[in-house]
Every structure is written in C-alpha cells, then in structure tokens.
Amino acid sequence: MVTLSVPDMNCAHCQASVESALKPHTSKLEVDLQGRKVHAESLTEVEKLLEALSDIGFPASVES
C-alpha cells in the first residue's frame, strides 16, 4: 500500500474528484480528507497515480 499526500484536497468535492481519478488504477482506496492523504493499493506504477492526480489539478507526493 502506498500513501500519497494531496495538500490541495480540502473539501468533499475534491475528495470525490480524487477518488474518481484514482479508482481505475487501484484495487483498494482510502481517502483521508482531514489528513489530506490517500492510501491506495496500486494496480499500476505509483507514477500513474501521481499523474492521474496531477491531470485533475491535485499535485501529490509519495509519503515515506
């Protein structure tokens, strides 16, 4: 499982957009709006998740 930091995700609409963008690339997805984090089991390379988020205006980074 990978944890992504999504600092610009700050409302329910943002959360829905993030979930929609990532669902095709994940087998399991948990979005923590309060913590502005996404926990995902990726079906592809992590870079694809970051790219999917960037494409919808939510730059993200991998948390260690």
N, C-alpha and C. Protein backbone atom coordinates (compact mmCIF):
# COMPACT_ATOMS: atom_id res chain seq x y z
N MET A 1 0.85 -1.17 0.00
CA MET A 1 0.00 0.00 0.00
C MET A 1 0.90 1.23 0.00
N VAL A 2 0.47 2.23 -0.73
CA VAL A 2 1.22 3.48 -0.83
C VAL A 2 0.38 4.60 -0.23
N THR A 3 1.05 5.57 0.40
CA THR A 3 0.37 6.73 0.95
C THR A 3 0.80 7.95 0.16
N LEU A 4 -0.20 8.68 -0.32
CA LEU A 4 0.06 9.90 -1.08
C LEU A 4 -0.42 11.10 -0.28
N SER A 5 0.37 12.14 -0.30
CA SER A 5 -0.02 13.41 0.31
C SER A 5 -0.63 14.27 -0.79
N VAL A 6 -1.85 14.75 -0.55
CA VAL A 6 -2.57 15.58 -1.53
C VAL A 6 -2.96 16.88 -0.82
N PRO A 7 -2.02 17.83 -0.71
CA PRO A 7 -2.25 19.02 0.11
C PRO A 7 -3.40 19.92 -0.34
N ASP A 8 -3.76 19.89 -1.62
CA ASP A 8 -4.82 20.78 -2.11
C ASP A 8 -6.22 20.18 -1.99
N MET A 9 -6.33 18.96 -1.49
CA MET A 9 -7.64 18.31 -1.31
C MET A 9 -8.23 18.81 0.00
N ASN A 10 -9.27 19.67 -0.09
CA ASN A 10 -9.77 20.28 1.14
C ASN A 10 -11.29 20.30 1.28
N CYS A 11 -12.02 19.61 0.41
CA CYS A 11 -13.48 19.59 0.54
C CYS A 11 -14.02 18.27 -0.01
N ALA A 12 -15.30 18.03 0.21
CA ALA A 12 -15.91 16.78 -0.25
C ALA A 12 -15.87 16.65 -1.77
N HIS A 13 -16.00 17.76 -2.48
CA HIS A 13 -15.93 17.72 -3.94
C HIS A 13 -14.52 17.32 -4.38
N CYS A 14 -13.52 17.87 -3.73
CA CYS A 14 -12.13 17.50 -4.02
C CYS A 14 -11.92 16.00 -3.78
N GLN A 15 -12.44 15.52 -2.67
CA GLN A 15 -12.30 14.11 -2.32
C GLN A 15 -12.93 13.24 -3.40
N ALA A 16 -14.12 13.60 -3.85
CA ALA A 16 -14.80 12.82 -4.89
C ALA A 16 -14.01 12.83 -6.19
N SER A 17 -13.42 13.95 -6.53
CA SER A 17 -12.60 14.04 -7.74
C SER A 17 -11.37 13.15 -7.65
N VAL A 18 -10.73 13.18 -6.50
CA VAL A 18 -9.54 12.35 -6.27
C VAL A 18 -9.90 10.87 -6.35
N GLU A 19 -10.99 10.48 -5.69
CA GLU A 19 -11.43 9.08 -5.72
C GLU A 19 -11.73 8.64 -7.15
N SER A 20 -12.43 9.47 -7.89
CA SER A 20 -12.80 9.15 -9.26
C SER A 20 -11.57 8.98 -10.16
N ALA A 21 -10.58 9.83 -9.96
CA ALA A 21 -9.37 9.76 -10.78
C ALA A 21 -8.52 8.54 -10.47
N LEU A 22 -8.54 8.10 -9.20
CA LEU A 22 -7.66 7.00 -8.79
C LEU A 22 -8.30 5.62 -8.88
N LYS A 23 -9.62 5.53 -8.79
CA LYS A 23 -10.28 4.21 -8.76
C LYS A 23 -9.86 3.27 -9.90
N PRO A 24 -9.73 3.75 -11.14
CA PRO A 24 -9.34 2.83 -12.21
C PRO A 24 -7.93 2.25 -12.05
N HIS A 25 -7.13 2.87 -11.20
CA HIS A 25 -5.73 2.48 -11.04
C HIS A 25 -5.46 1.73 -9.73
N THR A 26 -6.51 1.49 -8.94
CA THR A 26 -6.29 0.89 -7.61
C THR A 26 -7.23 -0.29 -7.36
N SER A 27 -6.78 -1.18 -6.48
CA SER A 27 -7.63 -2.28 -6.05
C SER A 27 -8.27 -1.96 -4.70
N LYS A 28 -7.64 -1.06 -3.95
CA LYS A 28 -8.17 -0.62 -2.67
C LYS A 28 -7.81 0.85 -2.51
N LEU A 29 -8.77 1.64 -2.05
CA LEU A 29 -8.56 3.08 -1.96
C LEU A 29 -9.23 3.63 -0.70
N GLU A 30 -8.46 4.34 0.10
CA GLU A 30 -8.98 5.01 1.29
C GLU A 30 -8.53 6.47 1.22
N VAL A 31 -9.48 7.39 1.28
CA VAL A 31 -9.16 8.81 1.21
C VAL A 31 -9.42 9.45 2.58
N ASP A 32 -8.39 10.09 3.11
CA ASP A 32 -8.46 10.78 4.40
C ASP A 32 -8.50 12.28 4.13
N LEU A 33 -9.70 12.83 4.06
CA LEU A 33 -9.85 14.25 3.75
C LEU A 33 -9.21 15.13 4.82
N GLN A 34 -9.43 14.81 6.09
CA GLN A 34 -8.87 15.60 7.19
C GLN A 34 -7.35 15.65 7.10
N GLY A 35 -6.73 14.50 6.86
CA GLY A 35 -5.28 14.44 6.79
C GLY A 35 -4.71 14.76 5.42
N ARG A 36 -5.63 14.93 4.45
CA ARG A 36 -5.24 15.21 3.06
C ARG A 36 -4.28 14.16 2.53
N LYS A 37 -4.68 12.90 2.76
CA LYS A 37 -3.87 11.75 2.34
C LYS A 37 -4.74 10.72 1.63
N VAL A 38 -4.08 9.93 0.81
CA VAL A 38 -4.73 8.82 0.12
C VAL A 38 -3.90 7.58 0.39
N HIS A 39 -4.56 6.51 0.80
CA HIS A 39 -3.91 5.22 0.99
C HIS A 39 -4.46 4.32 -0.11
N ALA A 40 -3.56 3.77 -0.92
CA ALA A 40 -4.03 3.02 -2.09
C ALA A 40 -3.18 1.79 -2.34
N GLU A 41 -3.85 0.74 -2.79
CA GLU A 41 -3.15 -0.41 -3.34
C GLU A 41 -3.21 -0.23 -4.84
N SER A 42 -2.07 0.06 -5.41
CA SER A 42 -2.00 0.42 -6.82
C SER A 42 -1.96 -0.80 -7.72
N LEU A 43 -2.70 -0.71 -8.83
CA LEU A 43 -2.66 -1.75 -9.85
C LEU A 43 -1.60 -1.44 -10.90
N THR A 44 -1.04 -0.24 -10.84
CA THR A 44 -0.03 0.21 -11.79
C THR A 44 1.12 0.82 -11.01
N GLU A 45 2.03 1.43 -11.74
CA GLU A 45 3.14 2.12 -11.10
C GLU A 45 2.62 3.35 -10.34
N VAL A 46 3.25 3.68 -9.26
CA VAL A 46 2.84 4.81 -8.44
C VAL A 46 2.85 6.10 -9.27
N GLU A 47 3.74 6.19 -10.23
CA GLU A 47 3.79 7.38 -11.07
C GLU A 47 2.47 7.61 -11.80
N LYS A 48 1.76 6.54 -12.13
CA LYS A 48 0.46 6.67 -12.80
C LYS A 48 -0.56 7.31 -11.86
N LEU A 49 -0.49 6.99 -10.58
CA LEU A 49 -1.39 7.60 -9.61
C LEU A 49 -1.09 9.10 -9.49
N LEU A 50 0.19 9.43 -9.40
CA LEU A 50 0.58 10.83 -9.30
C LEU A 50 0.17 11.60 -10.56
N GLU A 51 0.32 10.97 -11.71
CA GLU A 51 -0.06 11.60 -12.98
C GLU A 51 -1.58 11.81 -13.04
N ALA A 52 -2.35 10.82 -12.60
CA ALA A 52 -3.81 10.93 -12.62
C ALA A 52 -4.26 12.09 -11.74
N LEU A 53 -3.62 12.27 -10.60
CA LEU A 53 -3.97 13.37 -9.72
C LEU A 53 -3.54 14.72 -10.29
N SER A 54 -2.36 14.76 -10.86
CA SER A 54 -1.87 15.99 -11.48
C SER A 54 -2.77 16.42 -12.62
N ASP A 55 -3.26 15.46 -13.38
CA ASP A 55 -4.13 15.75 -14.53
C ASP A 55 -5.43 16.45 -14.12
N ILE A 56 -5.88 16.23 -12.88
CA ILE A 56 -7.11 16.88 -12.43
C ILE A 56 -6.83 18.07 -11.50
N GLY A 57 -5.56 18.47 -11.44
CA GLY A 57 -5.21 19.66 -10.68
C GLY A 57 -4.88 19.44 -9.22
N PHE A 58 -4.53 18.21 -8.87
CA PHE A 58 -4.16 17.90 -7.48
C PHE A 58 -2.75 17.30 -7.45
N PRO A 59 -1.73 18.15 -7.47
CA PRO A 59 -0.38 17.60 -7.37
C PRO A 59 -0.23 16.85 -6.04
N ALA A 60 0.45 15.73 -6.09
CA ALA A 60 0.62 14.88 -4.91
C ALA A 60 2.05 14.38 -4.83
N SER A 61 2.38 13.85 -3.68
CA SER A 61 3.70 13.25 -3.49
C SER A 61 3.55 11.98 -2.66
N VAL A 62 4.52 11.12 -2.79
CA VAL A 62 4.53 9.87 -2.05
C VAL A 62 5.09 10.14 -0.66
N GLU A 63 4.40 9.66 0.35
CA GLU A 63 4.90 9.79 1.72
C GLU A 63 5.75 8.58 2.05
N SER A 64 6.80 8.81 2.78
CA SER A 64 7.68 7.69 3.16
C SER A 64 7.26 7.06 4.45
